[in-house]
Amino acid sequence: MQSLLLGSYILIWPLASLAVLAVILTATLKDLRKAKQEQRGLV
């Protein structure tokens, strides 16, 4: 039981970081598309 909990805990972190990375990438792509529409730079 203890090894199952520890294994689950260790496997949660890559999934959590992947979710955060997906949110950041989605927001960046959305901003990039909007900047392109308005013919301006992203930065």
PDB file of N, CA and C in Angstrom:
ATOM      1  N   MET A   1       0.827  -1.196   0.000  1.00  0.00           N
ATOM      2  CA  MET A   1       0.000   0.000   0.000  1.00  0.00           C
ATOM      3  C   MET A   1       0.869   1.257   0.000  1.00  0.00           C
ATOM      4  N   GLN A   2       1.917   1.242   0.799  1.00  0.00           N
ATOM      5  CA  GLN A   2       2.782   2.407   0.887  1.00  0.00           C
ATOM      6  C   GLN A   2       3.497   2.674  -0.439  1.00  0.00           C
ATOM      7  N   SER A   3       3.926   1.602  -1.115  1.00  0.00           N
ATOM      8  CA  SER A   3       4.615   1.791  -2.393  1.00  0.00           C
ATOM      9  C   SER A   3       3.645   2.300  -3.462  1.00  0.00           C
ATOM     10  N   LEU A   4       2.382   1.921  -3.373  1.00  0.00           N
ATOM     11  CA  LEU A   4       1.381   2.422  -4.311  1.00  0.00           C
ATOM     12  C   LEU A   4       1.177   3.929  -4.126  1.00  0.00           C
ATOM     13  N   LEU A   5       1.117   4.366  -2.880  1.00  0.00           N
ATOM     14  CA  LEU A   5       0.960   5.797  -2.611  1.00  0.00           C
ATOM     15  C   LEU A   5       2.186   6.582  -3.064  1.00  0.00           C
ATOM     16  N   LEU A   6       3.362   6.063  -2.782  1.00  0.00           N
ATOM     17  CA  LEU A   6       4.587   6.743  -3.178  1.00  0.00           C
ATOM     18  C   LEU A   6       4.706   6.797  -4.698  1.00  0.00           C
ATOM     19  N   GLY A   7       4.385   5.701  -5.355  1.00  0.00           N
ATOM     20  CA  GLY A   7       4.420   5.674  -6.819  1.00  0.00           C
ATOM     21  C   GLY A   7       3.435   6.653  -7.427  1.00  0.00           C
ATOM     22  N   SER A   8       2.249   6.733  -6.867  1.00  0.00           N
ATOM     23  CA  SER A   8       1.241   7.681  -7.354  1.00  0.00           C
ATOM     24  C   SER A   8       1.714   9.112  -7.166  1.00  0.00           C
ATOM     25  N   TYR A   9       2.298   9.391  -6.016  1.00  0.00           N
ATOM     26  CA  TYR A   9       2.797  10.729  -5.718  1.00  0.00           C
ATOM     27  C   TYR A   9       3.874  11.139  -6.717  1.00  0.00           C
ATOM     28  N   ILE A  10       4.776  10.208  -7.021  1.00  0.00           N
ATOM     29  CA  ILE A  10       5.867  10.498  -7.956  1.00  0.00           C
ATOM     30  C   ILE A  10       5.323  10.699  -9.367  1.00  0.00           C
ATOM     31  N   LEU A  11       4.293   9.954  -9.756  1.00  0.00           N
ATOM     32  CA  LEU A  11       3.753  10.068 -11.107  1.00  0.00           C
ATOM     33  C   LEU A  11       2.859  11.290 -11.298  1.00  0.00           C
ATOM     34  N   ILE A  12       2.373  11.869 -10.232  1.00  0.00           N
ATOM     35  CA  ILE A  12       1.498  13.041 -10.337  1.00  0.00           C
ATOM     36  C   ILE A  12       2.281  14.263 -10.810  1.00  0.00           C
ATOM     37  N   TRP A  13       3.522  14.437 -10.363  1.00  0.00           N
ATOM     38  CA  TRP A  13       4.282  15.641 -10.691  1.00  0.00           C
ATOM     39  C   TRP A  13       4.510  15.841 -12.176  1.00  0.00           C
ATOM     40  N   PRO A  14       4.898  14.818 -12.942  1.00  0.00           N
ATOM     41  CA  PRO A  14       5.042  15.055 -14.391  1.00  0.00           C
ATOM     42  C   PRO A  14       3.710  15.443 -15.041  1.00  0.00           C
ATOM     43  N   LEU A  15       2.614  14.873 -14.578  1.00  0.00           N
ATOM     44  CA  LEU A  15       1.315  15.233 -15.144  1.00  0.00           C
ATOM     45  C   LEU A  15       0.943  16.672 -14.797  1.00  0.00           C
ATOM     46  N   ALA A  16       1.232  17.081 -13.575  1.00  0.00           N
ATOM     47  CA  ALA A  16       0.935  18.455 -13.162  1.00  0.00           C
ATOM     48  C   ALA A  16       1.784  19.447 -13.959  1.00  0.00           C
ATOM     49  N   SER A  17       3.073  19.147 -14.138  1.00  0.00           N
ATOM     50  CA  SER A  17       3.918  20.056 -14.917  1.00  0.00           C
ATOM     51  C   SER A  17       3.514  20.091 -16.382  1.00  0.00           C
ATOM     52  N   LEU A  18       3.066  18.967 -16.907  1.00  0.00           N
ATOM     53  CA  LEU A  18       2.596  18.933 -18.288  1.00  0.00           C
ATOM     54  C   LEU A  18       1.343  19.789 -18.453  1.00  0.00           C
ATOM     55  N   ALA A  19       0.458  19.767 -17.486  1.00  0.00           N
ATOM     56  CA  ALA A  19      -0.751  20.586 -17.534  1.00  0.00           C
ATOM     57  C   ALA A  19      -0.397  22.070 -17.501  1.00  0.00           C
ATOM     58  N   VAL A  20       0.541  22.450 -16.645  1.00  0.00           N
ATOM     59  CA  VAL A  20       0.961  23.853 -16.572  1.00  0.00           C
ATOM     60  C   VAL A  20       1.614  24.280 -17.881  1.00  0.00           C
ATOM     61  N   LEU A  21       2.452  23.436 -18.435  1.00  0.00           N
ATOM     62  CA  LEU A  21       3.101  23.734 -19.707  1.00  0.00           C
ATOM     63  C   LEU A  21       2.069  23.898 -20.820  1.00  0.00           C
ATOM     64  N   ALA A  22       1.041  23.063 -20.830  1.00  0.00           N
ATOM     65  CA  ALA A  22      -0.007  23.164 -21.841  1.00  0.00           C
ATOM     66  C   ALA A  22      -0.756  24.490 -21.722  1.00  0.00           C
ATOM     67  N   VAL A  23      -1.030  24.924 -20.510  1.00  0.00           N
ATOM     68  CA  VAL A  23      -1.719  26.210 -20.304  1.00  0.00           C
ATOM     69  C   VAL A  23      -0.849  27.364 -20.802  1.00  0.00           C
ATOM     70  N   ILE A  24       0.435  27.326 -20.489  1.00  0.00           N
ATOM     71  CA  ILE A  24       1.342  28.389 -20.916  1.00  0.00           C
ATOM     72  C   ILE A  24       1.454  28.428 -22.439  1.00  0.00           C
ATOM     73  N   LEU A  25       1.614  27.257 -23.059  1.00  0.00           N
ATOM     74  CA  LEU A  25       1.729  27.209 -24.517  1.00  0.00           C
ATOM     75  C   LEU A  25       0.448  27.676 -25.202  1.00  0.00           C
ATOM     76  N   THR A  26      -0.696  27.272 -24.676  1.00  0.00           N
ATOM     77  CA  THR A  26      -1.973  27.683 -25.254  1.00  0.00           C
ATOM     78  C   THR A  26      -2.134  29.199 -25.194  1.00  0.00           C
ATOM     79  N   ALA A  27      -1.817  29.783 -24.062  1.00  0.00           N
ATOM     80  CA  ALA A  27      -1.931  31.230 -23.908  1.00  0.00           C
ATOM     81  C   ALA A  27      -0.958  31.964 -24.828  1.00  0.00           C
ATOM     82  N   THR A  28       0.248  31.445 -24.969  1.00  0.00           N
ATOM     83  CA  THR A  28       1.243  32.074 -25.834  1.00  0.00           C
ATOM     84  C   THR A  28       0.808  32.018 -27.290  1.00  0.00           C
ATOM     85  N   LEU A  29       0.301  30.872 -27.718  1.00  0.00           N
ATOM     86  CA  LEU A  29      -0.165  30.752 -29.099  1.00  0.00           C
ATOM     87  C   LEU A  29      -1.350  31.667 -29.371  1.00  0.00           C
ATOM     88  N   LYS A  30      -2.233  31.792 -28.398  1.00  0.00           N
ATOM     89  CA  LYS A  30      -3.384  32.685 -28.540  1.00  0.00           C
ATOM     90  C   LYS A  30      -2.913  34.137 -28.686  1.00  0.00           C
ATOM     91  N   ASP A  31      -1.958  34.544 -27.858  1.00  0.00           N
ATOM     92  CA  ASP A  31      -1.417  35.899 -27.946  1.00  0.00           C
ATOM     93  C   ASP A  31      -0.684  36.122 -29.268  1.00  0.00           C
ATOM     94  N   LEU A  32       0.022  35.103 -29.732  1.00  0.00           N
ATOM     95  CA  LEU A  32       0.746  35.209 -30.994  1.00  0.00           C
ATOM     96  C   LEU A  32      -0.217  35.414 -32.152  1.00  0.00           C
ATOM     97  N   ARG A  33      -1.312  34.644 -32.167  1.00  0.00           N
ATOM     98  CA  ARG A  33      -2.320  34.799 -33.231  1.00  0.00           C
ATOM     99  C   ARG A  33      -2.955  36.182 -33.195  1.00  0.00           C
ATOM    100  N   LYS A  34      -3.250  36.668 -31.998  1.00  0.00           N
ATOM    101  CA  LYS A  34      -3.869  37.990 -31.867  1.00  0.00           C
ATOM    102  C   LYS A  34      -2.904  39.085 -32.334  1.00  0.00           C
ATOM    103  N   ALA A  35      -1.638  38.966 -31.982  1.00  0.00           N
ATOM    104  CA  ALA A  35      -0.635  39.948 -32.403  1.00  0.00           C
ATOM    105  C   ALA A  35      -0.470  39.921 -33.914  1.00  0.00           C
ATOM    106  N   LYS A  36      -0.518  38.749 -34.502  1.00  0.00           N
ATOM    107  CA  LYS A  36      -0.388  38.630 -35.945  1.00  0.00           C
ATOM    108  C   LYS A  36      -1.564  39.298 -36.649  1.00  0.00           C
ATOM    109  N   GLN A  37      -2.768  39.128 -36.087  1.00  0.00           N
ATOM    110  CA  GLN A  37      -3.967  39.753 -36.655  1.00  0.00           C
ATOM    111  C   GLN A  37      -3.851  41.275 -36.609  1.00  0.00           C
ATOM    112  N   GLU A  38      -3.307  41.792 -35.516  1.00  0.00           N
ATOM    113  CA  GLU A  38      -3.181  43.237 -35.342  1.00  0.00           C
ATOM    114  C   GLU A  38      -1.889  43.774 -35.972  1.00  0.00           C
ATOM    115  N   GLN A  39      -1.140  42.911 -36.647  1.00  0.00           N
ATOM    116  CA  GLN A  39       0.114  43.251 -37.321  1.00  0.00           C
ATOM    117  C   GLN A  39       1.081  43.968 -36.388  1.00  0.00           C
ATOM    118  N   ARG A  40       1.351  43.349 -35.274  1.00  0.00           N
ATOM    119  CA  ARG A  40       2.331  43.884 -34.329  1.00  0.00           C
ATOM    120  C   ARG A  40       3.157  42.720 -33.780  1.00  0.00           C
ATOM    121  N   GLY A  41       4.239  43.061 -33.118  1.00  0.00           N
ATOM    122  CA  GLY A  41       5.098  42.039 -32.535  1.00  0.00           C
ATOM    123  C   GLY A  41       4.506  41.457 -31.273  1.00  0.00           C
ATOM    124  N   LEU A  42       4.957  40.297 -30.919  1.00  0.00           N
ATOM    125  CA  LEU A  42       4.466  39.653 -29.709  1.00  0.00           C
ATOM    126  C   LEU A  42       5.010  40.336 -28.459  1.00  0.00           C
ATOM    127  N   VAL A  43       6.243  40.785 -28.538  1.00  0.00           N
ATOM    128  CA  VAL A  43       6.873  41.394 -27.364  1.00  0.00           C
ATOM    129  C   VAL A  43       6.619  42.885 -27.345  1.00  0.00           C
TER     130      VAL A  43
END
